[in-house]
């Protein structure tokens, strides 16, 4: 596994948890506790929904939990932390430095 691939996964996990905070709490728990915790939060929002919509919401929650539980430990830590770094290309940075040095001469 390349360093860029690992860095990209960590960055994406942090960005996902910033956008969808449910992944932050899921990453902090085991599957059973995460499901129970979020199901308790979900139940009041299901009150006025049709049975099929209720089932879809529960399936979605289960899928989110399964997805996060299959992520790497580094991805889970990044999700918990909420990575806000901006990604910089080392190739572009090296080129910008080269151009800046040439302009100084």
PDB file of N, CA and C in Angstrom:
ATOM      1  N   UNK A   1       0.851  -1.172   0.000  1.00  0.00           N
ATOM      2  CA  UNK A   1       0.000   0.000   0.000  1.00  0.00           C
ATOM      3  C   UNK A   1       0.898   1.238   0.000  1.00  0.00           C
ATOM      4  N   UNK A   2       0.685   2.149  -0.935  1.00  0.00           N
ATOM      5  CA  UNK A   2       1.539   3.321  -1.050  1.00  0.00           C
ATOM      6  C   UNK A   2       1.206   4.368   0.016  1.00  0.00           C
ATOM      7  N   UNK A   3       2.172   5.218   0.280  1.00  0.00           N
ATOM      8  CA  UNK A   3       1.991   6.281   1.269  1.00  0.00           C
ATOM      9  C   UNK A   3       0.908   7.259   0.829  1.00  0.00           C
ATOM     10  N   UNK A   4       0.850   7.542  -0.479  1.00  0.00           N
ATOM     11  CA  UNK A   4      -0.180   8.457  -0.990  1.00  0.00           C
ATOM     12  C   UNK A   4      -1.579   7.877  -0.796  1.00  0.00           C
ATOM     13  N   UNK A   5      -1.710   6.558  -0.997  1.00  0.00           N
ATOM     14  CA  UNK A   5      -3.002   5.895  -0.822  1.00  0.00           C
ATOM     15  C   UNK A   5      -3.456   5.982   0.635  1.00  0.00           C
ATOM     16  N   UNK A   6      -2.557   5.716   1.553  1.00  0.00           N
ATOM     17  CA  UNK A   6      -2.874   5.792   2.986  1.00  0.00           C
ATOM     18  C   UNK A   6      -3.235   7.226   3.361  1.00  0.00           C
ATOM     19  N   UNK A   7      -2.437   8.189   2.896  1.00  0.00           N
ATOM     20  CA  UNK A   7      -2.706   9.597   3.206  1.00  0.00           C
ATOM     21  C   UNK A   7      -4.068  10.027   2.671  1.00  0.00           C
ATOM     22  N   UNK A   8      -4.386   9.587   1.459  1.00  0.00           N
ATOM     23  CA  UNK A   8      -5.676   9.938   0.848  1.00  0.00           C
ATOM     24  C   UNK A   8      -6.835   9.353   1.656  1.00  0.00           C
ATOM     25  N   UNK A   9      -6.713   8.102   2.100  1.00  0.00           N
ATOM     26  CA  UNK A   9      -7.761   7.480   2.903  1.00  0.00           C
ATOM     27  C   UNK A   9      -7.958   8.199   4.222  1.00  0.00           C
ATOM     28  N   UNK A  10      -6.872   8.587   4.859  1.00  0.00           N
ATOM     29  CA  UNK A  10      -6.967   9.302   6.123  1.00  0.00           C
ATOM     30  C   UNK A  10      -7.645  10.651   5.906  1.00  0.00           C
ATOM     31  N   UNK A  11      -7.225  11.351   4.864  1.00  0.00           N
ATOM     32  CA  UNK A  11      -7.813  12.652   4.558  1.00  0.00           C
ATOM     33  C   UNK A  11      -9.305  12.527   4.273  1.00  0.00           C
ATOM     34  N   UNK A  12      -9.687  11.540   3.464  1.00  0.00           N
ATOM     35  CA  UNK A  12     -11.102  11.357   3.124  1.00  0.00           C
ATOM     36  C   UNK A  12     -11.942  10.991   4.343  1.00  0.00           C
ATOM     37  N   UNK A  13     -11.414  10.137   5.212  1.00  0.00           N
ATOM     38  CA  UNK A  13     -12.162   9.753   6.417  1.00  0.00           C
ATOM     39  C   UNK A  13     -12.439  10.966   7.293  1.00  0.00           C
ATOM     40  N   UNK A  14     -11.453  11.827   7.430  1.00  0.00           N
ATOM     41  CA  UNK A  14     -11.651  13.039   8.217  1.00  0.00           C
ATOM     42  C   UNK A  14     -12.658  13.974   7.586  1.00  0.00           C
ATOM     43  N   UNK A  15     -12.593  14.108   6.271  1.00  0.00           N
ATOM     44  CA  UNK A  15     -13.524  14.989   5.575  1.00  0.00           C
ATOM     45  C   UNK A  15     -14.953  14.448   5.621  1.00  0.00           C
ATOM     46  N   UNK A  16     -15.093  13.140   5.508  1.00  0.00           N
ATOM     47  CA  UNK A  16     -16.423  12.529   5.581  1.00  0.00           C
ATOM     48  C   UNK A  16     -17.053  12.778   6.941  1.00  0.00           C
ATOM     49  N   UNK A  17     -16.261  12.604   8.005  1.00  0.00           N
ATOM     50  CA  UNK A  17     -16.840  12.805   9.340  1.00  0.00           C
ATOM     51  C   UNK A  17     -17.150  14.277   9.597  1.00  0.00           C
ATOM     52  N   UNK A  18     -16.441  15.185   8.929  1.00  0.00           N
ATOM     53  CA  UNK A  18     -16.793  16.605   9.047  1.00  0.00           C
ATOM     54  C   UNK A  18     -18.137  16.875   8.384  1.00  0.00           C
ATOM     55  N   UNK A  19     -18.364  16.232   7.247  1.00  0.00           N
ATOM     56  CA  UNK A  19     -19.609  16.442   6.508  1.00  0.00           C
ATOM     57  C   UNK A  19     -20.771  15.647   7.103  1.00  0.00           C
ATOM     58  N   UNK A  20     -20.501  14.417   7.549  1.00  0.00           N
ATOM     59  CA  UNK A  20     -21.529  13.542   8.120  1.00  0.00           C
ATOM     60  C   UNK A  20     -21.081  13.102   9.513  1.00  0.00           C
ATOM     61  N   UNK A  21     -21.402  13.881  10.540  1.00  0.00           N
ATOM     62  CA  UNK A  21     -20.910  13.594  11.894  1.00  0.00           C
ATOM     63  C   UNK A  21     -21.262  12.219  12.447  1.00  0.00           C
ATOM     64  N   UNK A  22     -22.232  11.533  11.870  1.00  0.00           N
ATOM     65  CA  UNK A  22     -22.576  10.192  12.342  1.00  0.00           C
ATOM     66  C   UNK A  22     -21.362   9.277  12.276  1.00  0.00           C
ATOM     67  N   UNK A  23     -20.489   9.472  11.271  1.00  0.00           N
ATOM     68  CA  UNK A  23     -19.319   8.615  11.131  1.00  0.00           C
ATOM     69  C   UNK A  23     -18.314   8.839  12.265  1.00  0.00           C
ATOM     70  N   UNK A  24     -18.303  10.029  12.820  1.00  0.00           N
ATOM     71  CA  UNK A  24     -17.412  10.298  13.953  1.00  0.00           C
ATOM     72  C   UNK A  24     -17.810   9.455  15.160  1.00  0.00           C
ATOM     73  N   UNK A  25     -19.090   9.411  15.473  1.00  0.00           N
ATOM     74  CA  UNK A  25     -19.525   8.633  16.639  1.00  0.00           C
ATOM     75  C   UNK A  25     -19.456   7.139  16.352  1.00  0.00           C
ATOM     76  N   UNK A  26     -19.750   6.735  15.126  1.00  0.00           N
ATOM     77  CA  UNK A  26     -19.644   5.313  14.785  1.00  0.00           C
ATOM     78  C   UNK A  26     -18.203   4.840  14.944  1.00  0.00           C
ATOM     79  N   UNK A  27     -17.247   5.663  14.524  1.00  0.00           N
ATOM     80  CA  UNK A  27     -15.831   5.285  14.599  1.00  0.00           C
ATOM     81  C   UNK A  27     -15.362   5.090  16.036  1.00  0.00           C
ATOM     82  N   UNK A  28     -16.049   5.693  16.988  1.00  0.00           N
ATOM     83  CA  UNK A  28     -15.645   5.599  18.392  1.00  0.00           C
ATOM     84  C   UNK A  28     -16.234   4.390  19.105  1.00  0.00           C
ATOM     85  N   UNK A  29     -17.105   3.624  18.434  1.00  0.00           N
ATOM     86  CA  UNK A  29     -17.823   2.541  19.108  1.00  0.00           C
ATOM     87  C   UNK A  29     -17.674   1.240  18.350  1.00  0.00           C
ATOM     88  N   UNK A  30     -18.020   0.141  19.039  1.00  0.00           N
ATOM     89  CA  UNK A  30     -18.117  -1.133  18.329  1.00  0.00           C
ATOM     90  C   UNK A  30     -19.460  -1.159  17.602  1.00  0.00           C
ATOM     91  N   UNK A  31     -19.654  -2.158  16.748  1.00  0.00           N
ATOM     92  CA  UNK A  31     -20.858  -2.202  15.908  1.00  0.00           C
ATOM     93  C   UNK A  31     -22.157  -2.222  16.701  1.00  0.00           C
ATOM     94  N   UNK A  32     -22.230  -3.057  17.705  1.00  0.00           N
ATOM     95  CA  UNK A  32     -23.486  -3.209  18.450  1.00  0.00           C
ATOM     96  C   UNK A  32     -23.864  -1.918  19.174  1.00  0.00           C
ATOM     97  N   UNK A  33     -22.895  -1.303  19.845  1.00  0.00           N
ATOM     98  CA  UNK A  33     -23.187  -0.071  20.569  1.00  0.00           C
ATOM     99  C   UNK A  33     -23.490   1.082  19.623  1.00  0.00           C
ATOM    100  N   UNK A  34     -22.799   1.132  18.507  1.00  0.00           N
ATOM    101  CA  UNK A  34     -23.071   2.183  17.527  1.00  0.00           C
ATOM    102  C   UNK A  34     -24.490   2.053  16.985  1.00  0.00           C
ATOM    103  N   UNK A  35     -24.909   0.819  16.696  1.00  0.00           N
ATOM    104  CA  UNK A  35     -26.262   0.611  16.179  1.00  0.00           C
ATOM    105  C   UNK A  35     -27.302   1.012  17.221  1.00  0.00           C
ATOM    106  N   UNK A  36     -27.121   0.572  18.461  1.00  0.00           N
ATOM    107  CA  UNK A  36     -28.079   0.906  19.527  1.00  0.00           C
ATOM    108  C   UNK A  36     -28.137   2.419  19.752  1.00  0.00           C
ATOM    109  N   UNK A  37     -26.980   3.052  19.820  1.00  0.00           N
ATOM    110  CA  UNK A  37     -26.892   4.496  20.071  1.00  0.00           C
ATOM    111  C   UNK A  37     -27.632   5.284  18.992  1.00  0.00           C
ATOM    112  N   UNK A  38     -27.339   4.969  17.732  1.00  0.00           N
ATOM    113  CA  UNK A  38     -27.947   5.730  16.636  1.00  0.00           C
ATOM    114  C   UNK A  38     -29.397   5.332  16.371  1.00  0.00           C
ATOM    115  N   UNK A  39     -29.759   4.106  16.690  1.00  0.00           N
ATOM    116  CA  UNK A  39     -31.155   3.704  16.550  1.00  0.00           C
ATOM    117  C   UNK A  39     -32.019   4.478  17.542  1.00  0.00           C
ATOM    118  N   UNK A  40     -31.525   4.677  18.752  1.00  0.00           N
ATOM    119  CA  UNK A  40     -32.253   5.472  19.748  1.00  0.00           C
ATOM    120  C   UNK A  40     -32.461   6.899  19.243  1.00  0.00           C
ATOM    121  N   UNK A  41     -31.445   7.451  18.578  1.00  0.00           N
ATOM    122  CA  UNK A  41     -31.593   8.794  17.995  1.00  0.00           C
ATOM    123  C   UNK A  41     -32.527   8.802  16.790  1.00  0.00           C
ATOM    124  N   UNK A  42     -32.540   7.704  16.038  1.00  0.00           N
ATOM    125  CA  UNK A  42     -33.313   7.630  14.798  1.00  0.00           C
ATOM    126  C   UNK A  42     -34.803   7.421  15.038  1.00  0.00           C
ATOM    127  N   UNK A  43     -35.155   6.673  16.055  1.00  0.00           N
ATOM    128  CA  UNK A  43     -36.564   6.290  16.293  1.00  0.00           C
ATOM    129  C   UNK A  43     -37.522   7.491  16.297  1.00  0.00           C
ATOM    130  N   UNK A  44     -37.235   8.582  17.015  1.00  0.00           N
ATOM    131  CA  UNK A  44     -38.193   9.703  16.993  1.00  0.00           C
ATOM    132  C   UNK A  44     -38.387  10.322  15.607  1.00  0.00           C
ATOM    133  N   UNK A  45     -37.379  10.250  14.754  1.00  0.00           N
ATOM    134  CA  UNK A  45     -37.514  10.839  13.415  1.00  0.00           C
ATOM    135  C   UNK A  45     -38.324   9.961  12.471  1.00  0.00           C
ATOM    136  N   UNK A  46     -38.573   8.710  12.857  1.00  0.00           N
ATOM    137  CA  UNK A  46     -39.304   7.767  12.006  1.00  0.00           C
ATOM    138  C   UNK A  46     -40.811   7.815  12.220  1.00  0.00           C
ATOM    139  N   UNK A  47     -41.246   8.544  13.227  1.00  0.00           N
ATOM    140  CA  UNK A  47     -42.642   8.550  13.648  1.00  0.00           C
ATOM    141  C   UNK A  47     -43.631   8.766  12.497  1.00  0.00           C
ATOM    142  N   UNK A  48     -43.386   9.730  11.657  1.00  0.00           N
ATOM    143  CA  UNK A  48     -44.344  10.082  10.605  1.00  0.00           C
ATOM    144  C   UNK A  48     -44.009   9.472   9.242  1.00  0.00           C
ATOM    145  N   UNK A  49     -43.078   8.540   9.211  1.00  0.00           N
ATOM    146  CA  UNK A  49     -42.668   7.967   7.927  1.00  0.00           C
ATOM    147  C   UNK A  49     -43.423   6.678   7.643  1.00  0.00           C
ATOM    148  N   UNK A  50     -43.519   6.374   6.364  1.00  0.00           N
ATOM    149  CA  UNK A  50     -44.154   5.122   5.921  1.00  0.00           C
ATOM    150  C   UNK A  50     -43.263   3.945   6.322  1.00  0.00           C
ATOM    151  N   UNK A  51     -43.852   2.770   6.461  1.00  0.00           N
ATOM    152  CA  UNK A  51     -43.064   1.592   6.869  1.00  0.00           C
ATOM    153  C   UNK A  51     -41.837   1.331   5.994  1.00  0.00           C
ATOM    154  N   UNK A  52     -41.977   1.510   4.682  1.00  0.00           N
ATOM    155  CA  UNK A  52     -40.836   1.275   3.790  1.00  0.00           C
ATOM    156  C   UNK A  52     -39.717   2.282   4.057  1.00  0.00           C
ATOM    157  N   UNK A  53     -40.084   3.533   4.339  1.00  0.00           N
ATOM    158  CA  UNK A  53     -39.083   4.561   4.653  1.00  0.00           C
ATOM    159  C   UNK A  53     -38.399   4.269   5.981  1.00  0.00           C
ATOM    160  N   UNK A  54     -39.146   3.760   6.934  1.00  0.00           N
ATOM    161  CA  UNK A  54     -38.555   3.372   8.216  1.00  0.00           C
ATOM    162  C   UNK A  54     -37.514   2.281   8.004  1.00  0.00           C
ATOM    163  N   UNK A  55     -37.885   1.276   7.218  1.00  0.00           N
ATOM    164  CA  UNK A  55     -36.960   0.176   6.934  1.00  0.00           C
ATOM    165  C   UNK A  55     -35.712   0.685   6.208  1.00  0.00           C
ATOM    166  N   UNK A  56     -35.902   1.589   5.258  1.00  0.00           N
ATOM    167  CA  UNK A  56     -34.760   2.143   4.514  1.00  0.00           C
ATOM    168  C   UNK A  56     -33.803   2.896   5.432  1.00  0.00           C
ATOM    169  N   UNK A  57     -34.332   3.660   6.355  1.00  0.00           N
ATOM    170  CA  UNK A  57     -33.488   4.407   7.289  1.00  0.00           C
ATOM    171  C   UNK A  57     -32.683   3.469   8.194  1.00  0.00           C
ATOM    172  N   UNK A  58     -33.312   2.397   8.634  1.00  0.00           N
ATOM    173  CA  UNK A  58     -32.616   1.426   9.496  1.00  0.00           C
ATOM    174  C   UNK A  58     -31.543   0.684   8.699  1.00  0.00           C
ATOM    175  N   UNK A  59     -31.858   0.326   7.454  1.00  0.00           N
ATOM    176  CA  UNK A  59     -30.868  -0.330   6.589  1.00  0.00           C
ATOM    177  C   UNK A  59     -29.700   0.613   6.309  1.00  0.00           C
ATOM    178  N   UNK A  60     -30.001   1.879   6.066  1.00  0.00           N
ATOM    179  CA  UNK A  60     -28.951   2.879   5.828  1.00  0.00           C
ATOM    180  C   UNK A  60     -28.034   2.982   7.047  1.00  0.00           C
ATOM    181  N   UNK A  61     -28.608   3.056   8.230  1.00  0.00           N
ATOM    182  CA  UNK A  61     -27.820   3.119   9.460  1.00  0.00           C
ATOM    183  C   UNK A  61     -26.931   1.893   9.590  1.00  0.00           C
ATOM    184  N   UNK A  62     -27.490   0.732   9.350  1.00  0.00           N
ATOM    185  CA  UNK A  62     -26.720  -0.510   9.424  1.00  0.00           C
ATOM    186  C   UNK A  62     -25.564  -0.492   8.428  1.00  0.00           C
ATOM    187  N   UNK A  63     -25.808  -0.012   7.237  1.00  0.00           N
ATOM    188  CA  UNK A  63     -24.766   0.082   6.213  1.00  0.00           C
ATOM    189  C   UNK A  63     -23.660   1.047   6.600  1.00  0.00           C
ATOM    190  N   UNK A  64     -24.026   2.191   7.173  1.00  0.00           N
ATOM    191  CA  UNK A  64     -23.021   3.162   7.611  1.00  0.00           C
ATOM    192  C   UNK A  64     -22.129   2.552   8.689  1.00  0.00           C
ATOM    193  N   UNK A  65     -22.733   1.814   9.600  1.00  0.00           N
ATOM    194  CA  UNK A  65     -21.974   1.179  10.676  1.00  0.00           C
ATOM    195  C   UNK A  65     -21.060   0.092  10.111  1.00  0.00           C
ATOM    196  N   UNK A  66     -21.573  -0.730   9.204  1.00  0.00           N
ATOM    197  CA  UNK A  66     -20.749  -1.766   8.586  1.00  0.00           C
ATOM    198  C   UNK A  66     -19.609  -1.161   7.787  1.00  0.00           C
ATOM    199  N   UNK A  67     -19.879  -0.087   7.069  1.00  0.00           N
ATOM    200  CA  UNK A  67     -18.839   0.585   6.300  1.00  0.00           C
ATOM    201  C   UNK A  67     -17.709   1.054   7.211  1.00  0.00           C
ATOM    202  N   UNK A  68     -18.064   1.748   8.269  1.00  0.00           N
ATOM    203  CA  UNK A  68     -17.038   2.303   9.156  1.00  0.00           C
ATOM    204  C   UNK A  68     -16.287   1.200   9.895  1.00  0.00           C
ATOM    205  N   UNK A  69     -16.974   0.131  10.246  1.00  0.00           N
ATOM    206  CA  UNK A  69     -16.291  -0.943  10.975  1.00  0.00           C
ATOM    207  C   UNK A  69     -15.280  -1.673  10.090  1.00  0.00           C
ATOM    208  N   UNK A  70     -15.434  -1.581   8.781  1.00  0.00           N
ATOM    209  CA  UNK A  70     -14.485  -2.215   7.859  1.00  0.00           C
ATOM    210  C   UNK A  70     -13.353  -1.291   7.433  1.00  0.00           C
ATOM    211  N   UNK A  71     -13.338  -0.062   7.925  1.00  0.00           N
ATOM    212  CA  UNK A  71     -12.254   0.865   7.624  1.00  0.00           C
ATOM    213  C   UNK A  71     -11.039   0.544   8.497  1.00  0.00           C
ATOM    214  N   UNK A  72      -9.899   1.046   8.082  1.00  0.00           N
ATOM    215  CA  UNK A  72      -8.672   0.833   8.857  1.00  0.00           C
ATOM    216  C   UNK A  72      -8.721   1.640  10.152  1.00  0.00           C
ATOM    217  N   UNK A  73      -7.867   1.270  11.081  1.00  0.00           N
ATOM    218  CA  UNK A  73      -7.791   2.002  12.347  1.00  0.00           C
ATOM    219  C   UNK A  73      -7.389   3.457  12.107  1.00  0.00           C
ATOM    220  N   UNK A  74      -6.490   3.698  11.155  1.00  0.00           N
ATOM    221  CA  UNK A  74      -6.090   5.076  10.849  1.00  0.00           C
ATOM    222  C   UNK A  74      -7.259   5.885  10.299  1.00  0.00           C
ATOM    223  N   UNK A  75      -8.063   5.252   9.463  1.00  0.00           N
ATOM    224  CA  UNK A  75      -9.245   5.942   8.923  1.00  0.00           C
ATOM    225  C   UNK A  75     -10.233   6.260  10.034  1.00  0.00           C
ATOM    226  N   UNK A  76     -10.413   5.318  10.963  1.00  0.00           N
ATOM    227  CA  UNK A  76     -11.320   5.562  12.086  1.00  0.00           C
ATOM    228  C   UNK A  76     -10.810   6.698  12.956  1.00  0.00           C
ATOM    229  N   UNK A  77      -9.512   6.723  13.220  1.00  0.00           N
ATOM    230  CA  UNK A  77      -8.939   7.819  14.015  1.00  0.00           C
ATOM    231  C   UNK A  77      -9.108   9.158  13.300  1.00  0.00           C
ATOM    232  N   UNK A  78      -8.897   9.166  11.990  1.00  0.00           N
ATOM    233  CA  UNK A  78      -9.087  10.399  11.225  1.00  0.00           C
ATOM    234  C   UNK A  78     -10.546  10.841  11.264  1.00  0.00           C
ATOM    235  N   UNK A  79     -11.473   9.886  11.209  1.00  0.00           N
ATOM    236  CA  UNK A  79     -12.898  10.218  11.289  1.00  0.00           C
ATOM    237  C   UNK A  79     -13.228  10.821  12.648  1.00  0.00           C
ATOM    238  N   UNK A  80     -12.639  10.261  13.699  1.00  0.00           N
ATOM    239  CA  UNK A  80     -12.878  10.789  15.039  1.00  0.00           C
ATOM    240  C   UNK A  80     -12.319  12.201  15.163  1.00  0.00           C
ATOM    241  N   UNK A  81     -11.129  12.401  14.628  1.00  0.00           N
ATOM    242  CA  UNK A  81     -10.471  13.705  14.731  1.00  0.00           C
ATOM    243  C   UNK A  81     -11.107  14.747  13.814  1.00  0.00           C
ATOM    244  N   UNK A  82     -11.672  14.305  12.696  1.00  0.00           N
ATOM    245  CA  UNK A  82     -12.240  15.256  11.754  1.00  0.00           C
ATOM    246  C   UNK A  82     -11.150  16.012  11.025  1.00  0.00           C
ATOM    247  N   UNK A  83     -10.351  15.315  10.249  1.00  0.00           N
ATOM    248  CA  UNK A  83      -9.205  15.895   9.547  1.00  0.00           C
ATOM    249  C   UNK A  83      -9.635  17.077   8.694  1.00  0.00           C
ATOM    250  N   UNK A  84      -9.013  18.228   8.929  1.00  0.00           N
ATOM    251  CA  UNK A  84      -9.361  19.436   8.174  1.00  0.00           C
ATOM    252  C   UNK A  84      -8.192  19.938   7.332  1.00  0.00           C
ATOM    253  N   UNK A  85      -7.154  19.100   7.204  1.00  0.00           N
ATOM    254  CA  UNK A  85      -6.005  19.524   6.404  1.00  0.00           C
ATOM    255  C   UNK A  85      -6.405  19.691   4.946  1.00  0.00           C
ATOM    256  N   UNK A  86      -5.732  20.617   4.304  1.00  0.00           N
ATOM    257  CA  UNK A  86      -5.885  20.727   2.862  1.00  0.00           C
ATOM    258  C   UNK A  86      -4.798  19.879   2.231  1.00  0.00           C
ATOM    259  N   UNK A  87      -5.116  19.225   1.160  1.00  0.00           N
ATOM    260  CA  UNK A  87      -4.153  18.355   0.494  1.00  0.00           C
ATOM    261  C   UNK A  87      -3.268  19.187  -0.428  1.00  0.00           C
ATOM    262  N   UNK A  88      -1.964  18.983  -0.313  1.00  0.00           N
ATOM    263  CA  UNK A  88      -1.009  19.658  -1.166  1.00  0.00           C
ATOM    264  C   UNK A  88      -0.251  18.614  -1.972  1.00  0.00           C
ATOM    265  N   UNK A  89      -0.085  18.863  -3.234  1.00  0.00           N
ATOM    266  CA  UNK A  89       0.670  17.963  -4.087  1.00  0.00           C
ATOM    267  C   UNK A  89       2.147  18.277  -3.925  1.00  0.00           C
ATOM    268  N   UNK A  90       2.935  17.288  -3.535  1.00  0.00           N
ATOM    269  CA  UNK A  90       4.369  17.517  -3.370  1.00  0.00           C
ATOM    270  C   UNK A  90       5.019  17.848  -4.714  1.00  0.00           C
ATOM    271  N   UNK A  91       4.511  17.263  -5.793  1.00  0.00           N
ATOM    272  CA  UNK A  91       5.047  17.560  -7.123  1.00  0.00           C
ATOM    273  C   UNK A  91       4.816  19.029  -7.479  1.00  0.00           C
ATOM    274  N   UNK A  92       3.604  19.523  -7.251  1.00  0.00           N
ATOM    275  CA  UNK A  92       3.303  20.928  -7.543  1.00  0.00           C
ATOM    276  C   UNK A  92       4.080  21.862  -6.624  1.00  0.00           C
ATOM    277  N   UNK A  93       4.251  21.472  -5.362  1.00  0.00           N
ATOM    278  CA  UNK A  93       5.010  22.290  -4.423  1.00  0.00           C
ATOM    279  C   UNK A  93       6.473  22.380  -4.845  1.00  0.00           C
ATOM    280  N   UNK A  94       7.064  21.261  -5.260  1.00  0.00           N
ATOM    281  CA  UNK A  94       8.459  21.264  -5.731  1.00  0.00           C
ATOM    282  C   UNK A  94       8.610  22.141  -6.961  1.00  0.00           C
ATOM    283  N   UNK A  95       7.654  22.071  -7.862  1.00  0.00           N
ATOM    284  CA  UNK A  95       7.702  22.902  -9.070  1.00  0.00           C
ATOM    285  C   UNK A  95       7.587  24.386  -8.722  1.00  0.00           C
ATOM    286  N   UNK A  96       6.712  24.732  -7.792  1.00  0.00           N
ATOM    287  CA  UNK A  96       6.566  26.129  -7.366  1.00  0.00           C
ATOM    288  C   UNK A  96       7.855  26.631  -6.717  1.00  0.00           C
ATOM    289  N   UNK A  97       8.498  25.796  -5.919  1.00  0.00           N
ATOM    290  CA  UNK A  97       9.773  26.179  -5.304  1.00  0.00           C
ATOM    291  C   UNK A  97      10.863  26.359  -6.350  1.00  0.00           C
ATOM    292  N   UNK A  98      10.885  25.480  -7.347  1.00  0.00           N
ATOM    293  CA  UNK A  98      11.882  25.592  -8.425  1.00  0.00           C
ATOM    294  C   UNK A  98      11.703  26.892  -9.190  1.00  0.00           C
ATOM    295  N   UNK A  99      10.479  27.231  -9.507  1.00  0.00           N
ATOM    296  CA  UNK A  99      10.188  28.476 -10.241  1.00  0.00           C
ATOM    297  C   UNK A  99      10.571  29.689  -9.386  1.00  0.00           C
ATOM    298  N   UNK A 100      10.243  29.648  -8.101  1.00  0.00           N
ATOM    299  CA  UNK A 100      10.572  30.769  -7.218  1.00  0.00           C
ATOM    300  C   UNK A 100      12.087  30.956  -7.128  1.00  0.00           C
ATOM    301  N   UNK A 101      12.841  29.876  -7.068  1.00  0.00           N
ATOM    302  CA  UNK A 101      14.318  29.975  -7.007  1.00  0.00           C
ATOM    303  C   UNK A 101      14.878  30.557  -8.298  1.00  0.00           C
ATOM    304  N   UNK A 102      14.311  30.147  -9.432  1.00  0.00           N
ATOM    305  CA  UNK A 102      14.772  30.672 -10.709  1.00  0.00           C
ATOM    306  C   UNK A 102      14.492  32.167 -10.839  1.00  0.00           C
ATOM    307  N   UNK A 103      13.380  32.616 -10.302  1.00  0.00           N
ATOM    308  CA  UNK A 103      13.018  34.030 -10.369  1.00  0.00           C
ATOM    309  C   UNK A 103      13.925  34.886  -9.500  1.00  0.00           C
ATOM    310  N   UNK A 104      14.509  34.315  -8.452  1.00  0.00           N
ATOM    311  CA  UNK A 104      15.398  35.061  -7.557  1.00  0.00           C
ATOM    312  C   UNK A 104      16.774  35.276  -8.180  1.00  0.00           C
ATOM    313  N   UNK A 105      17.153  34.443  -9.139  1.00  0.00           N
ATOM    314  CA  UNK A 105      18.487  34.531  -9.749  1.00  0.00           C
ATOM    315  C   UNK A 105      18.566  35.640 -10.734  1.00  0.00           C
TER     316      UNK A 105
END
